[in-house]
Protein backbone atom coordinates (compact mmCIF):
# COMPACT_ATOMS: atom_id res chain seq x y z
CA MET A 1 18.64 16.56 -12.72
CA THR A 2 22.02 18.29 -12.73
CA GLU A 3 24.76 17.65 -10.17
CA SER A 4 24.23 21.18 -8.83
CA ASN A 5 20.49 20.56 -8.34
CA ARG A 6 21.24 17.30 -6.56
CA SER A 7 23.69 19.06 -4.25
CA ASN A 8 21.15 21.78 -3.41
CA LEU A 9 18.51 19.15 -2.73
CA LEU A 10 20.56 16.71 -0.66
CA GLY A 11 23.31 18.80 0.92
CA ASP A 12 23.57 18.41 4.73
CA LEU A 13 20.52 16.12 4.90
CA ALA A 14 20.56 12.93 7.01
CA VAL A 15 19.46 10.63 4.18
CA ASP A 16 20.62 7.63 2.17
CA VAL A 17 20.41 8.16 -1.60
CA GLU A 18 20.41 5.80 -4.56
CA PHE A 19 20.44 7.19 -8.08
CA ASP A 20 18.78 5.36 -10.98
CA ALA A 21 17.25 3.02 -8.42
CA ALA A 22 15.56 -0.24 -9.43
CA ILE A 23 12.36 0.43 -7.47
CA GLY A 24 10.29 -2.05 -9.49
CA ALA A 25 12.25 -4.83 -7.83
CA LEU A 26 11.11 -3.52 -4.43
CA THR A 27 7.42 -4.14 -5.20
CA TRP A 28 5.58 -7.39 -4.59
CA PHE A 29 5.25 -7.84 -8.35
CA ALA A 30 9.08 -7.63 -8.45
CA ILE A 31 8.94 -6.13 -11.94
CA GLY A 32 8.99 -2.65 -13.44
CA GLY A 33 11.32 0.27 -13.97
CA ARG A 34 13.63 2.60 -12.14
CA ALA A 35 13.43 5.93 -10.32
CA GLU A 36 15.66 8.93 -10.84
CA MET A 37 16.34 9.03 -7.10
CA LEU A 38 15.39 6.80 -4.18
CA ILE A 39 15.85 8.62 -0.87
CA ARG A 40 15.65 7.11 2.62
CA PRO A 41 15.42 9.84 5.30
CA HIS A 42 16.87 9.06 8.73
CA ASP A 43 14.20 10.97 10.68
CA GLU A 44 11.20 13.29 10.39
CA ASP A 45 13.30 16.46 10.34
CA ALA A 46 15.26 15.24 7.32
CA LEU A 47 12.02 14.21 5.63
CA SER A 48 10.42 17.59 6.30
CA THR A 49 13.41 19.50 4.90
CA LEU A 50 13.56 17.21 1.86
CA LEU A 51 9.89 17.87 1.09
CA LYS A 52 10.39 21.63 1.43
CA ARG A 53 13.32 21.57 -0.98
CA CYS A 54 11.46 19.40 -3.49
CA ARG A 55 8.52 21.82 -3.37
CA GLN A 56 10.83 24.83 -3.88
CA SER A 57 12.51 23.16 -6.87
CA SER A 58 9.25 21.72 -8.35
CA ILE A 59 10.61 18.18 -8.10
CA PRO A 60 7.89 15.51 -8.17
CA VAL A 61 7.71 13.32 -5.05
CA ARG A 62 6.29 9.84 -4.57
CA ILE A 63 6.26 7.68 -1.45
CA LEU A 64 7.09 3.97 -1.64
CA GLY A 65 5.75 1.89 1.24
CA GLY A 66 6.12 -1.87 1.31
CA GLY A 67 5.45 -2.10 -2.43
CA ALA A 68 2.57 -4.51 -1.83
CA ASN A 69 0.03 -2.60 -3.91
CA LEU A 70 2.22 -0.95 -6.53
CA LEU A 71 3.20 -1.41 -10.16
CA VAL A 72 6.01 0.71 -11.65
CA ASP A 73 6.01 1.27 -15.42
CA ASP A 74 8.94 -0.37 -17.21
CA LYS A 75 10.04 3.02 -18.56
CA GLY A 76 10.63 4.27 -15.03
CA ILE A 77 9.73 7.57 -13.41
CA ASP A 78 11.31 10.97 -12.86
CA GLY A 79 11.83 12.84 -9.61
CA VAL A 80 12.21 11.63 -6.05
CA VAL A 81 10.86 8.44 -4.51
CA ILE A 82 10.92 8.40 -0.71
CA LYS A 83 11.05 5.17 1.25
CA LEU A 84 10.61 5.17 5.02
CA ASP A 85 12.54 2.03 5.88
CA HIS A 86 15.24 3.54 8.06
CA GLU A 87 15.04 2.09 11.57
CA PHE A 88 13.61 5.40 12.83
CA PHE A 89 10.45 4.87 10.76
CA GLU A 90 10.07 1.20 11.70
CA ARG A 91 9.81 1.83 15.45
CA ARG A 92 6.76 1.05 17.56
CA ARG A 93 5.95 1.19 21.27
CA TYR A 94 3.02 0.20 23.48
CA ASN A 95 1.41 2.40 26.11
CA ARG A 96 -1.21 1.04 28.51
CA HIS A 97 -3.95 3.39 29.79
CA GLY A 98 -6.43 1.51 31.94
CA PRO A 99 -8.37 -1.05 29.89
CA VAL A 100 -7.00 0.32 26.59
CA GLU A 101 -3.59 -0.36 25.05
CA ARG A 102 -2.26 2.13 22.52
CA LEU A 103 0.30 1.17 19.91
CA HIS A 104 2.37 4.09 18.61
CA ALA A 105 3.64 2.86 15.24
CA MET A 106 5.82 4.70 12.75
CA ALA A 107 4.76 4.63 9.10
CA GLY A 108 7.40 2.11 8.04
CA ALA A 109 6.37 -0.48 10.64
CA ASP A 110 5.57 -3.83 9.04
CA LEU A 111 1.96 -5.06 9.16
CA PHE A 112 2.90 -8.74 9.41
CA LYS A 113 5.11 -8.07 12.43
CA ILE A 114 2.47 -6.02 14.22
CA VAL A 115 -0.23 -8.64 13.62
CA THR A 116 1.87 -11.43 15.14
CA GLU A 117 3.28 -9.20 17.89
CA THR A 118 -0.12 -8.02 19.12
CA ALA A 119 -1.49 -11.56 19.04
CA ARG A 120 1.44 -12.82 21.09
CA GLN A 121 0.82 -10.07 23.67
CA GLY A 122 -2.91 -10.80 23.84
CA LEU A 123 -4.00 -7.51 22.24
CA ASP A 124 -7.10 -7.50 20.08
CA GLY A 125 -8.11 -4.94 17.45
CA PHE A 126 -5.57 -5.52 14.68
CA SER A 127 -6.29 -9.11 13.66
CA GLN A 128 -8.38 -7.96 10.69
CA MET A 129 -5.06 -7.07 9.04
CA ALA A 130 -3.84 -10.68 9.06
CA GLY A 131 -2.48 -11.73 5.69
CA ILE A 132 -2.36 -8.18 4.34
CA PRO A 133 1.18 -7.15 3.35
CA GLY A 134 2.68 -3.69 3.57
CA THR A 135 3.41 -0.96 6.09
CA ILE A 136 1.33 1.15 8.45
CA GLY A 137 1.66 4.23 6.24
CA GLY A 138 0.71 2.46 3.02
CA ALA A 139 -2.20 0.65 4.67
CA LEU A 140 -3.56 3.90 6.08
CA ARG A 141 -3.25 5.73 2.77
CA MET A 142 -5.65 3.28 1.09
CA ASN A 143 -7.50 2.08 4.22
CA ALA A 144 -6.31 -1.45 3.52
CA GLY A 145 -8.43 -4.35 4.66
CA GLY A 146 -10.68 -7.14 3.51
CA SER A 147 -13.76 -9.08 4.46
CA TYR A 148 -12.67 -9.14 8.12
CA GLY A 149 -12.36 -5.36 8.48
CA ASP A 150 -9.92 -2.57 7.70
CA ILE A 151 -7.16 -0.63 9.39
CA GLY A 152 -9.32 2.47 9.84
CA GLN A 153 -11.47 0.86 12.49
CA CYS A 154 -8.63 0.83 15.07
CA ILE A 155 -6.94 4.17 14.34
CA GLU A 156 -6.99 6.80 17.08
CA SER A 157 -4.79 9.48 15.49
CA VAL A 158 -2.39 10.13 12.61
CA SER A 159 0.73 12.28 12.36
CA MET A 160 1.93 13.36 8.93
CA LEU A 161 3.73 15.92 6.79
CA ASP A 162 2.08 17.71 3.90
CA LEU A 163 4.04 17.97 0.65
CA ALA A 164 5.42 21.35 1.73
CA GLY A 165 7.01 19.69 4.77
CA ASN A 166 4.56 21.04 7.37
CA ARG A 167 3.49 18.81 10.24
CA ILE A 168 -0.17 17.86 10.60
CA GLU A 169 -1.80 16.06 13.54
CA LEU A 170 -5.18 14.42 12.94
CA SER A 171 -7.40 13.12 15.74
CA ARG A 172 -10.02 10.42 15.34
CA SER A 173 -12.79 13.03 15.12
CA GLU A 174 -11.05 14.48 12.05
CA LEU A 175 -10.69 11.13 10.30
CA GLU A 176 -13.21 9.21 8.24
CA PHE A 177 -12.58 5.82 6.70
CA SER A 178 -14.57 4.01 4.02
CA TYR A 179 -13.92 1.29 1.45
CA ARG A 180 -10.32 1.86 0.26
CA LYS A 181 -10.59 5.56 1.14
CA SER A 182 -9.93 7.95 3.97
CA THR A 183 -10.01 11.68 4.61
CA ILE A 184 -6.25 11.74 5.29
CA PRO A 185 -5.01 14.66 3.14
CA ASN A 186 -2.31 14.46 0.52
CA GLY A 187 1.15 14.15 2.02
CA ILE A 188 3.33 11.59 3.80
CA ILE A 189 2.06 9.70 6.84
CA CYS A 190 4.73 9.53 9.54
CA SER A 191 3.03 7.60 12.35
CA ALA A 192 -0.27 6.50 13.82
CA VAL A 193 -1.75 5.59 17.20
CA ILE A 194 -3.66 2.31 17.14
CA GLN A 195 -6.18 1.44 19.83
CA LEU A 196 -6.13 -2.14 21.08
CA GLU A 197 -7.87 -4.10 23.83
CA PRO A 198 -6.36 -6.75 26.12
CA GLN A 199 -7.73 -10.19 25.30
CA ASP A 200 -6.92 -13.83 26.00
CA PRO A 201 -3.91 -14.52 23.72
CA LEU A 202 -5.41 -17.87 22.73
CA VAL A 203 -8.57 -16.15 21.48
CA VAL A 204 -6.55 -13.69 19.35
CA ARG A 205 -4.26 -16.41 17.96
CA ASN A 206 -7.24 -18.60 17.04
CA ARG A 207 -8.81 -15.70 15.16
CA LEU A 208 -5.56 -15.11 13.28
CA ARG A 209 -5.35 -18.78 12.38
CA GLU A 210 -8.91 -18.69 11.09
CA ILE A 211 -8.19 -15.67 8.88
CA PHE A 212 -4.89 -17.03 7.55
CA ASN A 213 -6.44 -20.42 6.75
CA ALA A 214 -9.35 -18.80 4.90
CA LYS A 215 -7.02 -16.63 2.83
CA SER A 216 -4.59 -19.46 2.09
CA ALA A 217 -7.48 -21.57 0.82
CA SER A 218 -8.77 -18.94 -1.61
CA GLN A 219 -5.85 -16.67 -2.56
CA PRO A 220 -2.54 -17.30 -4.40
CA MET A 221 -0.52 -15.97 -1.48
CA ALA A 222 2.74 -17.59 -2.67
CA ASP A 223 2.64 -15.96 -6.11
CA ASN A 224 4.24 -12.69 -7.21
CA SER A 225 1.18 -10.49 -7.01
CA ALA A 226 -0.06 -7.20 -5.54
CA GLY A 227 -3.16 -8.62 -3.92
CA CYS A 228 -6.50 -7.59 -5.37
CA ALA A 229 -6.06 -5.94 -8.76
CA PHE A 230 -9.44 -4.17 -8.75
CA ARG A 231 -11.73 -2.59 -6.20
CA ASN A 232 -15.11 -4.12 -5.56
CA PRO A 233 -17.63 -1.94 -7.43
CA THR A 234 -19.97 -0.15 -5.04
CA ARG A 235 -23.32 1.60 -5.05
CA SER A 236 -23.79 5.24 -4.09
CA ASP A 237 -24.38 4.21 -0.46
CA GLY A 238 -21.04 2.40 -0.36
CA SER A 239 -22.43 -1.14 -0.44
CA THR A 240 -20.76 -3.68 -2.72
CA ILE A 241 -22.56 -4.52 -5.97
CA GLU A 242 -20.58 -7.73 -6.48
CA PRO A 243 -17.02 -8.70 -5.56
CA ALA A 244 -14.66 -7.86 -8.42
CA GLY A 245 -13.28 -11.40 -8.38
CA LYS A 246 -16.74 -12.85 -8.93
CA LEU A 247 -17.40 -10.51 -11.87
CA ILE A 248 -14.06 -11.41 -13.47
CA ASP A 249 -14.69 -15.12 -12.93
CA GLN A 250 -18.21 -14.92 -14.41
CA ALA A 251 -16.75 -13.22 -17.47
CA GLY A 252 -14.63 -16.36 -17.98
CA LEU A 253 -11.30 -14.62 -17.45
CA LYS A 254 -9.50 -16.96 -15.05
CA GLY A 255 -6.28 -18.02 -16.74
CA LEU A 256 -6.32 -15.14 -19.21
CA SER A 257 -2.71 -14.09 -19.84
CA ILE A 258 -0.65 -11.49 -21.63
CA GLY A 259 3.08 -12.10 -21.71
CA GLY A 260 4.16 -13.14 -18.23
CA ALA A 261 1.03 -11.85 -16.46
CA MET A 262 -2.02 -14.03 -15.81
CA VAL A 263 -5.38 -13.77 -14.08
CA SER A 264 -5.02 -16.26 -11.25
CA GLU A 265 -6.87 -19.57 -11.56
CA ARG A 266 -7.27 -19.55 -7.79
CA HIS A 267 -8.72 -16.05 -7.28
CA ALA A 268 -9.84 -14.04 -10.30
CA ASN A 269 -9.05 -10.67 -8.73
CA PHE A 270 -5.36 -11.54 -8.42
CA ILE A 271 -2.87 -11.09 -11.25
CA SER A 272 0.18 -13.29 -10.92
CA THR A 273 3.46 -12.80 -12.75
CA THR A 274 6.35 -14.96 -13.92
CA PRO A 275 10.01 -13.87 -13.68
CA ASP A 276 10.01 -12.76 -17.33
CA ALA A 277 6.87 -10.61 -16.98
CA THR A 278 6.94 -6.87 -17.59
CA ALA A 279 4.91 -4.12 -15.97
CA ARG A 280 3.32 -3.44 -19.36
CA ASP A 281 2.13 -7.09 -19.46
CA VAL A 282 0.22 -6.44 -16.22
CA MET A 283 -1.09 -3.06 -17.40
CA TRP A 284 -2.37 -4.49 -20.70
CA LEU A 285 -3.92 -7.47 -18.90
CA MET A 286 -5.71 -5.22 -16.41
CA LYS A 287 -7.03 -3.13 -19.29
CA GLN A 288 -8.25 -6.27 -21.07
CA VAL A 289 -10.01 -7.47 -17.91
CA GLN A 290 -11.73 -4.09 -17.51
CA GLU A 291 -12.98 -4.12 -21.09
CA ARG A 292 -14.26 -7.68 -21.00
CA VAL A 293 -15.96 -7.30 -17.60
CA HIS A 294 -17.65 -4.15 -18.90
CA ASP A 295 -18.78 -5.99 -22.04
CA HIS A 296 -20.11 -8.91 -19.97
CA HIS A 297 -21.65 -7.07 -16.99
CA GLY A 298 -21.84 -3.39 -17.96
CA ILE A 299 -19.74 -2.60 -14.88
CA SER A 300 -16.52 -0.57 -14.92
CA LEU A 301 -13.85 -1.95 -12.59
CA GLN A 302 -11.47 0.53 -10.97
CA PRO A 303 -7.87 -0.51 -10.21
CA GLU A 304 -6.89 -1.16 -6.63
CA VAL A 305 -3.26 -1.54 -7.67
CA VAL A 306 -1.50 1.84 -7.81
CA ILE A 307 0.33 2.38 -11.10
CA TRP A 308 3.26 4.77 -11.41
CA SER A 309 3.96 5.97 -14.94
CA ASP A 310 5.17 9.20 -16.52
CA ASP A 311 4.41 7.97 -20.04
CA PRO A 312 1.18 9.51 -21.42
CA GLU A 313 0.97 6.62 -23.92
CA ALA A 314 1.16 3.89 -21.27
CA PRO A 315 -1.84 1.52 -21.18
CA THR A 316 -2.91 2.75 -17.76
CA PRO A 317 -6.13 0.99 -16.65
């Protein structure tokens, strides 16, 4: 992108900009390439204008949340990456209406903080997100969750911008959530209203402890990883055929490694990395796991990890 194009794109906008940004280091894998531009808007107006200008100039746009479920190709990516980690997008406030408490959370609000905060205040309805890293926006985009539930079950409304910069408000009646999917249209989530219920703080804290202990016992939570690498395969009615981790384990793939990437010995649906790993190590390993699970079970695993690559020859699973 020329200096003139950059000036037209960024002039007079309330944003922070980093060129040739090492975005791979911002992911939970902590590996991968760079982005042409990393832009942090200061508010929704700046974000809306930025999206409009990118659309007018045909500049590709990607949104980087907490990086918990993302792998960036070593060769990097072109265009603009937007990160909503300015304090404006990390805000949250509570609003009591009778027996219901509503949490208004901006898209950059941290899931870990909200889980502990709501438990401390004796508010139930968000504990199913315990142990799941990321931000509100990223979690909503993929309807993040696990065996204890997902984020969709407590969402009352969503506010967002489409990729042309237009504001969209979605009520609960307009939203549908299913396994790792939602009807939220393409665009950038700005905020959400979460419905909670007052509860004995001890009851909520005990539930959190139960979930954290269960996850700590079965998942490599201390490793560099992006959580589950693959989605659980499902039937046409949405029910799970078998957990992906079980299928990978039965195919004898625990401990399988390529370069600095390895299928976790603790949980087969986690891929852990060493400091010298590359994104391509993970991509090749995921592809190998897919092929061997298909050979063993006749089932095709679909990635849960989002992979960013502009290289048509990349080994994208």
